[in-house]
Amino acid sequence: MVTEPASAPLPPVLRPERPPHRSLTDLVERFGLGVRGDLTGLTATGITLATADLREGEVFVGIHGARRHGAEFAAQATEQGAVAILTDEQGAQLAAPSGLPVLISADPRAVLGAISAWLYGTDRDMPTLLAVTGTNGKTSTAHVLEAILNQLDVVTGLSSTAERHIAGRTIVSRLTTPESSEMHALLALMRERHVEAVAVEVSAQALSRHRVDGIVFDVAGFTNLTHDHLDDYGDLETYLEAKLALFRPDRARRGVVCVDTASGLEVVSRSEIPVVTVGAPQLSQDADAAARADWTVRIEQETQRATTFTVRAPGGAEITTTIPVIGAHMAANTGLAIAMLVEAGYDVERIAAALERDGGVAAVLPGRTELVSGAHGPAVYVDFSHTPDSFEKTLAAVRKVTPGRVLMMFGASGNRDTLKRPIMGRVAAEGADVVIVTDHHPRYEEAAPIRAALLEGARSAGTDAEILEVAAPEDAIRTAVAMTGEGDAILWAGPGHQDYREIDGVRTPFSARDLARRALRDAGWPTPPGR
């Protein structure tokens, strides 16, 4: 079996095919950097934080990481053809023996986005840029945005947790939002490929850690804010503050905000840019507030393979259409996407005509309540849910379309927010008939204590749910299939689209889709061909 370090550069950073040649002297003067060494005649063709992906003629950026200072790799950068090193004062001392010119900033990461934008020319003449933030629904909304744009015959780009798309080309993603140097290189390549509009999933960490610096989005969308990432932010108030940064004039020109949660209402009240609102009264914490939204979403029908809904525009026009996944929350995400497109200048009647022509939204949402089973036997859904709120919504969606029992199988990521684990377990036991706790990404943690926290939460629910612990996911899915039959459903939450498991810093190839289909076939049930 092939394994690779979790830090491996997979996939490689994408760059424009016609790289720039920017004077380092101009760079230093423009951004007020300190200099050690001679820059005479030197130009840069790119910039990167990763020595593993550094190319000749590029600037290597050495910043202080969790364990080591990036400038410690200056010698390696020199061997790979770096033209200079951008770092801080500590890094300048570490990089001095390399012999390369050193550009000095008090906070290299804080200036990296602006430098990357200037270097790649992404500070002007860009495609329409659409950003989506929130705890849950970012990926789905970004993919729906791209799907509808494609249905409008727009050449698109996408950057999401699941994938990067460039005018029809697909690349697997690493981070939800790439580092700013990679982001600007990606946008420059998209522009070369004549991309007209780009949907970007923007995490709170991306905003806090300068990954979207130097970008002004045409429209920013907000889905919701629920319990997650408290290991980074400490509390929900601080987490929301990170999200609010997207709704400032230096980040976006206009906003579209879902007001189905109190956090959405707060974003509206505190936004520093013009915003319109979207609400789904059937789903909202405050149905009256949702009903007063500029755009409203009404759920019409839910089946095992699709959700039909009606979106009402501010002028009263209505679009009734279908999204090919289950869940009322997916309809709400699509309503948000449609409103964002209209705010970006796309005509609502043109959107309605395209959706009617194609029989709905032609979206493929990798690992989002993805049905991987066949026409007979238990319905098996693979999903990326990893928060209490997404557990609750996805379980409710599966329950609504399942005549029999619902079994939920899940784990939790190591070295991530530990406070949400018991809540995840409790929500699972409240919504499912059978709960199987298994392993996911233990990372550098021991797996057993992670499972124990999930089990403790499940047992605390005090429901009649049957609760099992099966450590190996390969065994857990076989157990799940053996416990279910025709009319039942299995929701495997956590792995979603991901094609690996991370254990002790090593990524091992892993496909929940393939394992689920194999378990179904071994039990005698038919399966569709793999995606």
Protein backbone atom coordinates (compact mmCIF):
# COMPACT_ATOMS: atom_id res chain seq x y z
CA MET A 1 0.00 0.00 0.00
CA VAL A 2 1.31 3.45 -0.95
CA THR A 3 1.56 6.00 1.84
CA GLU A 4 2.81 9.54 1.94
CA PRO A 5 3.55 12.19 4.58
CA ALA A 6 0.62 14.43 5.46
CA SER A 7 2.83 17.38 4.58
CA ALA A 8 3.42 16.15 1.02
CA PRO A 9 2.61 18.73 -1.68
CA LEU A 10 -0.47 16.98 -3.05
CA PRO A 11 -1.66 18.37 -5.35
CA PRO A 12 1.11 20.64 -6.63
CA VAL A 13 0.55 24.38 -6.62
CA LEU A 14 -0.89 25.50 -9.95
CA ARG A 15 0.69 28.50 -11.64
CA PRO A 16 0.09 30.62 -14.71
CA GLU A 17 1.64 29.16 -17.85
CA ARG A 18 3.06 32.56 -18.75
CA PRO A 19 4.71 33.54 -15.48
CA PRO A 20 5.42 37.16 -14.64
CA HIS A 21 8.88 38.67 -14.39
CA ARG A 22 8.67 41.24 -11.62
CA SER A 23 11.63 43.32 -10.48
CA LEU A 24 12.67 42.53 -6.91
CA THR A 25 13.78 46.12 -6.50
CA ASP A 26 10.26 47.28 -7.41
CA LEU A 27 8.81 44.70 -5.01
CA VAL A 28 10.91 45.96 -2.12
CA GLU A 29 10.08 49.60 -2.80
CA ARG A 30 6.36 48.97 -3.25
CA PHE A 31 5.94 47.02 -0.01
CA GLY A 32 8.54 48.76 2.16
CA LEU A 33 10.63 45.64 2.79
CA GLY A 34 14.09 45.49 4.31
CA VAL A 35 16.87 44.02 2.16
CA ARG A 36 20.04 42.08 2.77
CA GLY A 37 21.96 41.36 -0.39
CA ASP A 38 22.13 42.71 -3.94
CA LEU A 39 18.88 42.77 -5.97
CA THR A 40 20.37 44.35 -9.09
CA GLY A 41 18.75 42.88 -12.21
CA LEU A 42 16.85 40.20 -10.31
CA THR A 43 13.25 39.35 -11.20
CA ALA A 44 10.73 36.95 -9.69
CA THR A 45 8.47 34.59 -11.65
CA GLY A 46 6.46 33.40 -8.66
CA ILE A 47 6.30 33.06 -4.90
CA THR A 48 5.66 30.10 -2.60
CA LEU A 49 5.75 28.93 1.02
CA ALA A 50 6.64 25.34 0.10
CA THR A 51 10.17 24.26 -0.76
CA ALA A 52 8.70 20.98 -2.05
CA ASP A 53 6.92 22.95 -4.76
CA LEU A 54 9.45 25.74 -5.34
CA ARG A 55 10.45 26.44 -8.93
CA GLU A 56 13.50 28.18 -10.32
CA GLY A 57 13.23 31.96 -10.32
CA GLU A 58 10.67 32.16 -7.52
CA VAL A 59 10.77 33.84 -4.11
CA PHE A 60 10.71 31.41 -1.21
CA VAL A 61 8.77 32.60 1.85
CA GLY A 62 10.09 31.41 5.22
CA ILE A 63 7.64 31.91 8.09
CA HIS A 64 7.49 30.60 11.63
CA GLY A 65 5.52 27.35 11.58
CA ALA A 66 4.08 25.21 14.37
CA ARG A 67 7.33 23.28 14.81
CA ARG A 68 10.07 24.98 12.77
CA HIS A 69 10.91 28.23 11.04
CA GLY A 70 10.57 28.01 7.27
CA ALA A 71 13.81 29.93 6.79
CA GLU A 72 15.64 26.84 8.07
CA PHE A 73 15.04 25.45 4.58
CA ALA A 74 16.88 28.30 2.84
CA ALA A 75 19.69 26.03 1.64
CA GLN A 76 17.16 23.71 0.00
CA ALA A 77 15.48 26.72 -1.58
CA THR A 78 18.83 27.81 -2.99
CA GLU A 79 19.42 24.38 -4.53
CA GLN A 80 16.02 24.53 -6.19
CA GLY A 81 16.72 27.88 -7.81
CA ALA A 82 15.02 30.39 -5.53
CA VAL A 83 15.87 33.95 -6.49
CA ALA A 84 15.39 35.39 -2.98
CA ILE A 85 13.89 34.67 0.43
CA LEU A 86 11.11 36.66 2.07
CA THR A 87 11.13 36.24 5.84
CA ASP A 88 11.26 38.05 9.19
CA GLU A 89 14.29 39.17 11.22
CA GLN A 90 14.74 35.76 12.85
CA GLY A 91 14.42 34.10 9.48
CA ALA A 92 16.94 36.50 7.95
CA GLN A 93 19.58 35.24 10.36
CA LEU A 94 18.70 31.63 9.59
CA ALA A 95 18.74 32.27 5.83
CA ALA A 96 22.01 34.26 5.75
CA PRO A 97 24.28 31.24 5.04
CA SER A 98 22.28 30.45 1.88
CA GLY A 99 23.82 33.43 0.08
CA LEU A 100 20.46 34.45 -1.37
CA PRO A 101 19.17 38.01 -1.09
CA VAL A 102 16.79 38.28 1.85
CA LEU A 103 13.66 40.44 1.85
CA ILE A 104 12.54 41.27 5.38
CA SER A 105 9.07 41.96 6.74
CA ALA A 106 7.94 42.03 10.37
CA ASP A 107 5.08 39.70 9.35
CA PRO A 108 5.70 37.97 6.00
CA ARG A 109 2.36 36.13 6.01
CA ALA A 110 0.49 39.42 6.48
CA VAL A 111 2.04 40.92 3.33
CA LEU A 112 2.11 37.72 1.26
CA GLY A 113 -1.37 38.18 -0.22
CA ALA A 114 -0.72 41.73 -1.42
CA ILE A 115 2.69 40.77 -2.78
CA SER A 116 1.22 37.74 -4.58
CA ALA A 117 -1.56 39.87 -6.09
CA TRP A 118 0.98 42.40 -7.39
CA LEU A 119 3.37 39.74 -8.63
CA TYR A 120 0.72 37.72 -10.52
CA GLY A 121 -1.30 40.74 -11.58
CA THR A 122 -4.45 39.52 -9.83
CA ASP A 123 -5.06 42.95 -8.34
CA ARG A 124 -6.80 44.02 -11.57
CA ASP A 125 -8.87 42.75 -14.53
CA MET A 126 -10.18 39.66 -12.76
CA PRO A 127 -13.11 37.34 -13.47
CA THR A 128 -16.26 37.68 -11.36
CA LEU A 129 -15.26 36.41 -7.91
CA LEU A 130 -17.81 34.76 -5.60
CA ALA A 131 -16.92 33.79 -2.01
CA VAL A 132 -18.87 31.52 0.33
CA THR A 133 -18.22 31.32 4.06
CA GLY A 134 -19.99 29.72 7.04
CA THR A 135 -19.60 26.56 9.11
CA ASN A 136 -21.73 24.19 7.03
CA GLY A 137 -22.80 24.38 3.41
CA LYS A 138 -19.79 26.25 2.00
CA THR A 139 -18.70 23.45 -0.32
CA SER A 140 -22.22 22.65 -1.51
CA THR A 141 -22.99 26.29 -2.24
CA ALA A 142 -19.70 26.79 -4.11
CA HIS A 143 -20.36 23.73 -6.29
CA VAL A 144 -23.96 24.84 -6.94
CA LEU A 145 -22.70 28.29 -7.96
CA GLU A 146 -20.36 26.72 -10.47
CA ALA A 147 -23.00 24.30 -11.75
CA ILE A 148 -25.55 27.03 -12.47
CA LEU A 149 -22.87 29.20 -14.09
CA ASN A 150 -21.99 26.29 -16.37
CA GLN A 151 -25.67 25.94 -17.22
CA LEU A 152 -25.53 29.62 -18.24
CA ASP A 153 -22.58 28.74 -20.55
CA VAL A 154 -20.12 30.68 -18.39
CA VAL A 155 -16.51 29.44 -18.28
CA THR A 156 -15.90 28.75 -14.60
CA GLY A 157 -13.31 28.22 -11.92
CA LEU A 158 -13.81 26.67 -8.48
CA SER A 159 -11.80 26.40 -5.29
CA SER A 160 -13.46 24.25 -2.63
CA THR A 161 -12.61 21.78 0.12
CA ALA A 162 -13.25 18.97 -2.34
CA GLU A 163 -11.77 20.13 -5.64
CA ARG A 164 -10.24 22.88 -7.75
CA HIS A 165 -11.75 23.41 -11.22
CA ILE A 166 -10.23 25.45 -14.04
CA ALA A 167 -12.33 25.72 -17.21
CA GLY A 168 -13.35 22.07 -16.97
CA ARG A 169 -10.13 20.67 -15.53
CA THR A 170 -10.40 19.08 -12.05
CA ILE A 171 -7.67 18.91 -9.38
CA VAL A 172 -7.99 17.47 -5.87
CA SER A 173 -7.81 20.04 -3.07
CA ARG A 174 -5.59 20.10 0.02
CA LEU A 175 -6.81 23.02 2.16
CA THR A 176 -10.34 24.44 2.16
CA THR A 177 -8.79 27.72 1.05
CA PRO A 178 -5.20 27.57 -0.27
CA GLU A 179 -2.41 29.81 0.97
CA SER A 180 -2.53 33.30 -0.53
CA SER A 181 0.46 32.70 -2.80
CA GLU A 182 -1.23 29.60 -4.23
CA MET A 183 -4.61 31.34 -4.41
CA HIS A 184 -3.27 34.18 -6.53
CA ALA A 185 -1.29 31.82 -8.77
CA LEU A 186 -4.47 29.78 -9.25
CA LEU A 187 -6.50 32.88 -10.13
CA ALA A 188 -3.82 33.99 -12.59
CA LEU A 189 -3.97 30.59 -14.30
CA MET A 190 -7.77 30.77 -14.41
CA ARG A 191 -7.56 34.15 -16.11
CA GLU A 192 -5.16 32.71 -18.68
CA ARG A 193 -7.71 29.95 -19.36
CA HIS A 194 -10.39 32.61 -19.99
CA VAL A 195 -12.39 31.80 -16.87
CA GLU A 196 -15.26 34.28 -16.52
CA ALA A 197 -16.44 33.56 -12.96
CA VAL A 198 -14.88 31.82 -9.94
CA ALA A 199 -16.58 30.32 -6.87
CA VAL A 200 -14.30 30.19 -3.82
CA GLU A 201 -14.95 28.48 -0.49
CA VAL A 202 -13.52 30.75 2.22
CA SER A 203 -12.90 29.31 5.68
CA ALA A 204 -12.57 31.30 8.89
CA GLN A 205 -8.93 30.21 9.03
CA ALA A 206 -8.41 31.62 5.54
CA LEU A 207 -9.56 35.01 6.76
CA SER A 208 -7.59 34.87 10.02
CA ARG A 209 -4.43 33.57 8.37
CA HIS A 210 -4.34 35.95 5.40
CA ARG A 211 -5.08 33.31 2.73
CA VAL A 212 -7.47 35.57 0.80
CA ASP A 213 -5.54 38.79 1.31
CA GLY A 214 -5.25 40.83 -1.85
CA ILE A 215 -8.62 39.63 -3.20
CA VAL A 216 -11.80 41.70 -3.34
CA PHE A 217 -14.75 39.43 -4.08
CA ASP A 218 -17.67 40.74 -6.11
CA VAL A 219 -20.17 38.91 -3.89
CA ALA A 220 -19.68 37.20 -0.52
CA GLY A 221 -22.21 34.66 0.77
CA PHE A 222 -22.82 33.48 4.35
CA THR A 223 -24.48 30.14 5.15
CA ASN A 224 -24.51 29.76 8.96
CA LEU A 225 -22.30 29.54 12.03
CA THR A 226 -22.42 26.52 14.35
CA HIS A 227 -20.11 24.68 16.77
CA ASP A 228 -16.77 24.00 15.07
CA HIS A 229 -13.14 25.16 15.16
CA LEU A 230 -13.28 26.20 18.79
CA ASP A 231 -9.78 24.75 19.08
CA ASP A 232 -8.72 27.72 16.94
CA TYR A 233 -11.12 30.42 18.14
CA GLY A 234 -12.05 29.51 21.73
CA ASP A 235 -15.70 30.52 21.51
CA LEU A 236 -18.42 31.15 18.95
CA GLU A 237 -18.17 34.93 19.31
CA THR A 238 -14.52 34.95 18.25
CA TYR A 239 -15.29 32.45 15.48
CA LEU A 240 -18.01 34.77 14.13
CA GLU A 241 -15.63 37.74 14.25
CA ALA A 242 -13.33 35.83 11.89
CA LYS A 243 -16.20 35.27 9.45
CA LEU A 244 -17.33 38.90 9.63
CA ALA A 245 -14.01 40.00 8.13
CA LEU A 246 -15.33 38.86 4.73
CA PHE A 247 -18.10 41.46 4.91
CA ARG A 248 -15.83 44.50 4.77
CA PRO A 249 -15.11 46.71 1.75
CA ASP A 250 -11.52 45.49 1.53
CA ARG A 251 -12.79 41.92 1.13
CA ALA A 252 -16.05 42.10 -0.85
CA ARG A 253 -18.29 44.54 -2.70
CA ARG A 254 -21.69 43.01 -1.89
CA GLY A 255 -23.03 40.28 0.39
CA VAL A 256 -25.84 37.70 0.49
CA VAL A 257 -26.62 36.33 3.94
CA CYS A 258 -28.77 33.38 4.99
CA VAL A 259 -30.82 34.50 8.01
CA ASP A 260 -32.01 31.07 9.14
CA THR A 261 -29.76 31.32 12.20
CA ALA A 262 -29.12 34.09 14.73
CA SER A 263 -25.57 34.34 13.42
CA GLY A 264 -26.90 35.29 9.99
CA LEU A 265 -28.95 38.10 11.48
CA GLU A 266 -25.85 39.35 13.29
CA VAL A 267 -23.84 39.31 10.07
CA VAL A 268 -26.54 41.43 8.44
CA SER A 269 -26.51 43.95 11.30
CA ARG A 270 -22.73 44.20 11.37
CA SER A 271 -21.88 43.97 7.69
CA GLU A 272 -19.89 46.92 6.35
CA ILE A 273 -21.00 46.26 2.76
CA PRO A 274 -24.49 46.22 1.17
CA VAL A 275 -26.25 42.89 1.78
CA VAL A 276 -29.44 41.13 0.77
CA THR A 277 -30.94 38.28 2.78
CA VAL A 278 -32.13 34.74 2.07
CA GLY A 279 -34.42 32.73 4.36
CA ALA A 280 -36.10 29.32 4.41
CA PRO A 281 -38.96 29.63 6.94
CA GLN A 282 -39.41 25.84 7.15
CA LEU A 283 -35.83 25.48 8.38
CA SER A 284 -35.20 28.73 10.22
CA GLN A 285 -34.67 29.24 13.93
CA ASP A 286 -36.89 32.30 13.46
CA ALA A 287 -39.51 31.58 10.79
CA ASP A 288 -40.84 35.14 10.85
CA ALA A 289 -37.39 36.62 10.25
CA ALA A 290 -36.80 34.16 7.40
CA ALA A 291 -40.17 35.00 5.84
CA ARG A 292 -39.17 38.69 5.80
CA ALA A 293 -35.93 37.97 3.91
CA ASP A 294 -35.38 39.52 0.49
CA TRP A 295 -35.23 36.02 -1.02
CA THR A 296 -37.19 33.06 0.38
CA VAL A 297 -36.89 29.31 -0.16
CA ARG A 298 -39.86 26.95 0.15
CA ILE A 299 -39.29 23.17 0.24
CA GLU A 300 -41.71 21.31 -2.04
CA GLN A 301 -40.60 17.66 -2.02
CA GLU A 302 -37.76 15.47 -0.72
CA THR A 303 -36.84 12.05 -2.12
CA GLN A 304 -33.85 9.72 -1.77
CA ARG A 305 -32.19 11.30 -4.78
CA ALA A 306 -33.37 14.91 -5.00
CA THR A 307 -34.98 17.90 -3.31
CA THR A 308 -37.49 20.13 -5.07
CA PHE A 309 -38.02 23.70 -3.89
CA THR A 310 -39.18 27.16 -4.91
CA VAL A 311 -37.04 30.29 -4.66
CA ARG A 312 -38.88 33.63 -4.56
CA ALA A 313 -36.92 36.68 -5.73
CA PRO A 314 -37.33 40.19 -4.26
CA GLY A 315 -39.56 41.30 -7.16
CA GLY A 316 -41.88 38.32 -6.72
CA ALA A 317 -40.53 36.12 -9.52
CA GLU A 318 -40.39 32.43 -8.56
CA ILE A 319 -38.12 29.59 -9.65
CA THR A 320 -39.24 26.04 -8.87
CA THR A 321 -36.40 23.62 -9.45
CA THR A 322 -34.58 20.54 -8.13
CA ILE A 323 -31.15 19.84 -6.62
CA PRO A 324 -29.98 16.22 -7.11
CA VAL A 325 -29.22 15.52 -3.42
CA ILE A 326 -31.38 15.00 -0.37
CA GLY A 327 -31.94 17.56 2.34
CA ALA A 328 -33.92 20.74 2.81
CA HIS A 329 -30.65 22.44 3.82
CA MET A 330 -29.34 21.75 0.31
CA ALA A 331 -32.30 23.67 -1.09
CA ALA A 332 -31.43 26.57 1.22
CA ASN A 333 -27.82 26.48 -0.02
CA THR A 334 -29.06 26.59 -3.62
CA GLY A 335 -31.31 29.54 -2.84
CA LEU A 336 -28.27 31.35 -1.45
CA ALA A 337 -26.31 30.53 -4.62
CA ILE A 338 -29.07 31.83 -6.90
CA ALA A 339 -29.29 35.09 -4.94
CA MET A 340 -25.51 35.49 -5.11
CA LEU A 341 -25.55 35.06 -8.89
CA VAL A 342 -28.25 37.70 -9.28
CA GLU A 343 -26.27 40.07 -7.05
CA ALA A 344 -23.27 39.41 -9.30
CA GLY A 345 -25.26 40.61 -12.30
CA TYR A 346 -26.73 37.43 -13.79
CA ASP A 347 -30.38 37.81 -14.81
CA VAL A 348 -32.87 35.86 -12.69
CA GLU A 349 -35.03 35.03 -15.74
CA ARG A 350 -31.98 33.66 -17.56
CA ILE A 351 -31.18 31.48 -14.54
CA ALA A 352 -34.78 30.25 -14.36
CA ALA A 353 -34.79 29.38 -18.06
CA ALA A 354 -31.53 27.42 -17.81
CA LEU A 355 -32.75 25.41 -14.81
CA GLU A 356 -36.08 24.64 -16.48
CA ARG A 357 -34.32 23.58 -19.69
CA ASP A 358 -32.00 21.20 -17.82
CA GLY A 359 -34.59 19.81 -15.39
CA GLY A 360 -32.93 21.33 -12.34
CA VAL A 361 -29.50 22.22 -11.01
CA ALA A 362 -26.91 20.06 -12.79
CA ALA A 363 -24.60 19.90 -9.78
CA VAL A 364 -22.32 17.12 -8.64
CA LEU A 365 -21.62 17.54 -4.92
CA PRO A 366 -18.77 15.18 -4.02
CA GLY A 367 -19.28 13.50 -0.67
CA ARG A 368 -22.37 15.52 0.28
CA THR A 369 -25.12 13.00 1.17
CA GLU A 370 -23.80 11.10 -1.83
CA LEU A 371 -25.89 7.99 -2.52
CA VAL A 372 -23.45 5.17 -3.32
CA SER A 373 -25.86 2.21 -3.16
CA GLY A 374 -27.97 0.61 -5.88
CA ALA A 375 -31.68 0.17 -6.56
CA HIS A 376 -32.16 -2.50 -3.89
CA GLY A 377 -30.92 -3.01 -0.34
CA PRO A 378 -30.13 -0.34 2.22
CA ALA A 379 -29.58 3.18 0.94
CA VAL A 380 -26.00 4.14 1.80
CA TYR A 381 -24.99 7.80 1.92
CA VAL A 382 -21.40 8.99 2.24
CA ASP A 383 -21.18 12.48 3.68
CA PHE A 384 -18.58 15.01 4.81
CA SER A 385 -20.57 16.09 7.90
CA HIS A 386 -18.26 16.67 10.85
CA THR A 387 -20.13 19.10 13.13
CA PRO A 388 -23.13 18.65 15.45
CA ASP A 389 -25.27 20.92 13.30
CA SER A 390 -24.48 19.12 10.06
CA PHE A 391 -25.10 15.79 11.80
CA GLU A 392 -28.54 16.98 12.87
CA LYS A 393 -29.52 18.37 9.47
CA THR A 394 -28.21 15.44 7.45
CA LEU A 395 -29.74 12.83 9.76
CA ALA A 396 -33.09 14.61 9.55
CA ALA A 397 -32.84 14.61 5.75
CA VAL A 398 -32.05 10.89 5.64
CA ARG A 399 -34.80 10.10 8.15
CA LYS A 400 -37.39 11.95 6.07
CA VAL A 401 -36.83 9.78 2.98
CA THR A 402 -36.22 6.44 4.77
CA PRO A 403 -39.18 4.12 5.46
CA GLY A 404 -37.12 1.79 7.68
CA ARG A 405 -34.34 2.19 10.21
CA VAL A 406 -31.55 4.76 10.02
CA LEU A 407 -28.02 3.71 11.00
CA MET A 408 -25.36 6.37 11.45
CA MET A 409 -21.68 5.53 11.31
CA PHE A 410 -19.04 8.15 12.10
CA GLY A 411 -15.76 9.09 13.73
CA ALA A 412 -14.01 12.37 14.49
CA SER A 413 -10.74 14.01 13.46
CA GLY A 414 -7.81 14.04 15.82
CA ASN A 415 -6.00 17.27 16.71
CA ARG A 416 -9.18 19.25 16.09
CA ASP A 417 -11.94 20.76 18.25
CA THR A 418 -12.41 18.22 21.07
CA LEU A 419 -15.40 19.96 22.64
CA LYS A 420 -17.73 19.06 19.80
CA ARG A 421 -17.09 15.29 20.02
CA PRO A 422 -19.58 14.43 22.81
CA ILE A 423 -22.17 16.68 21.15
CA MET A 424 -21.69 14.85 17.85
CA GLY A 425 -22.27 11.54 19.62
CA ARG A 426 -25.40 12.81 21.38
CA VAL A 427 -26.90 14.24 18.18
CA ALA A 428 -26.26 10.94 16.38
CA ALA A 429 -28.02 8.92 19.08
CA GLU A 430 -30.95 11.34 19.09
CA GLY A 431 -31.46 11.03 15.34
CA ALA A 432 -30.51 7.45 14.44
CA ASP A 433 -31.83 4.02 15.38
CA VAL A 434 -28.33 2.53 15.38
CA VAL A 435 -25.03 4.33 16.02
CA ILE A 436 -21.65 2.87 15.06
CA VAL A 437 -18.63 4.79 16.28
CA THR A 438 -15.49 4.15 14.25
CA ASP A 439 -12.16 5.79 13.40
CA HIS A 440 -11.69 8.68 10.99
CA HIS A 441 -8.49 10.80 10.95
CA PRO A 442 -6.80 10.22 14.33
CA ARG A 443 -3.83 12.25 13.08
CA TYR A 444 -1.39 12.48 16.02
CA GLU A 445 -3.94 11.48 18.67
CA GLU A 446 -4.65 8.01 20.00
CA ALA A 447 -7.81 6.75 18.29
CA ALA A 448 -9.42 5.07 21.31
CA PRO A 449 -9.96 8.26 23.38
CA ILE A 450 -11.55 9.94 20.35
CA ARG A 451 -14.03 7.08 20.06
CA ALA A 452 -14.61 7.16 23.82
CA ALA A 453 -15.69 10.82 23.70
CA LEU A 454 -18.11 10.09 20.87
CA LEU A 455 -19.52 7.06 22.69
CA GLU A 456 -19.92 9.02 25.91
CA GLY A 457 -21.95 11.61 24.07
CA ALA A 458 -24.09 8.98 22.33
CA ARG A 459 -24.87 7.21 25.61
CA SER A 460 -25.69 10.49 27.33
CA ALA A 461 -28.60 11.03 24.93
CA GLY A 462 -30.64 8.44 26.84
CA THR A 463 -32.43 7.22 23.71
CA ASP A 464 -33.25 3.70 22.58
CA ALA A 465 -30.59 3.85 19.88
CA GLU A 466 -28.34 0.80 19.69
CA ILE A 467 -24.75 2.00 20.17
CA LEU A 468 -21.75 0.04 18.89
CA GLU A 469 -17.99 0.63 18.71
CA VAL A 470 -16.14 -0.82 15.71
CA ALA A 471 -12.70 0.72 15.44
CA ALA A 472 -11.68 -0.15 11.87
CA PRO A 473 -13.92 1.60 9.33
CA GLU A 474 -13.55 -1.37 6.96
CA ASP A 475 -15.15 -3.60 9.63
CA ALA A 476 -17.64 -0.93 10.66
CA ILE A 477 -19.21 -0.60 7.21
CA ARG A 478 -19.53 -4.38 6.88
CA THR A 479 -21.23 -4.45 10.28
CA ALA A 480 -23.55 -1.62 9.22
CA VAL A 481 -24.59 -3.38 6.01
CA ALA A 482 -25.18 -6.65 7.89
CA MET A 483 -27.51 -4.85 10.32
CA THR A 484 -29.65 -3.21 7.61
CA GLY A 485 -31.85 -4.29 4.74
CA GLU A 486 -34.37 -3.15 2.16
CA GLY A 487 -35.91 0.18 3.18
CA ASP A 488 -33.18 1.02 5.71
CA ALA A 489 -30.47 3.66 5.35
CA ILE A 490 -26.84 4.02 6.40
CA LEU A 491 -25.33 7.48 6.79
CA TRP A 492 -21.53 7.31 6.88
CA ALA A 493 -20.54 10.77 8.08
CA GLY A 494 -17.02 12.18 8.03
CA PRO A 495 -15.00 10.92 5.06
CA GLY A 496 -17.18 12.33 2.29
CA HIS A 497 -15.10 13.02 -0.82
CA GLN A 498 -11.72 12.44 0.86
CA ASP A 499 -9.52 9.71 -0.56
CA TYR A 500 -7.20 9.15 2.41
CA ARG A 501 -6.99 8.63 6.16
CA GLU A 502 -4.36 10.45 8.21
CA ILE A 503 -2.69 8.42 10.96
CA ASP A 504 0.50 9.49 12.76
CA GLY A 505 1.28 12.05 10.08
CA VAL A 506 0.88 9.58 7.21
CA ARG A 507 -1.87 9.72 4.59
CA THR A 508 -3.05 6.27 3.57
CA PRO A 509 -5.28 5.84 0.48
CA PHE A 510 -8.87 5.28 1.57
CA SER A 511 -12.25 5.53 -0.14
CA ALA A 512 -15.47 5.35 1.84
CA ARG A 513 -17.37 5.08 -1.44
CA ASP A 514 -15.42 2.00 -2.54
CA LEU A 515 -15.60 0.35 0.89
CA ALA A 516 -19.35 0.89 1.09
CA ARG A 517 -19.96 -0.55 -2.37
CA ARG A 518 -17.73 -3.53 -1.61
CA ALA A 519 -19.61 -4.24 1.61
CA LEU A 520 -22.91 -4.05 -0.24
CA ARG A 521 -21.72 -6.42 -2.99
CA ASP A 522 -20.35 -8.87 -0.43
CA ALA A 523 -23.80 -8.87 1.21
CA GLY A 524 -25.44 -9.63 -2.13
CA TRP A 525 -26.81 -6.16 -2.92
CA PRO A 526 -26.35 -4.51 -6.34
CA THR A 527 -24.22 -1.38 -6.61
CA PRO A 528 -23.88 1.32 -9.26
CA PRO A 529 -20.56 1.95 -11.00
CA GLY A 530 -18.14 4.10 -8.98
CA ARG A 531 -17.85 7.82 -9.60
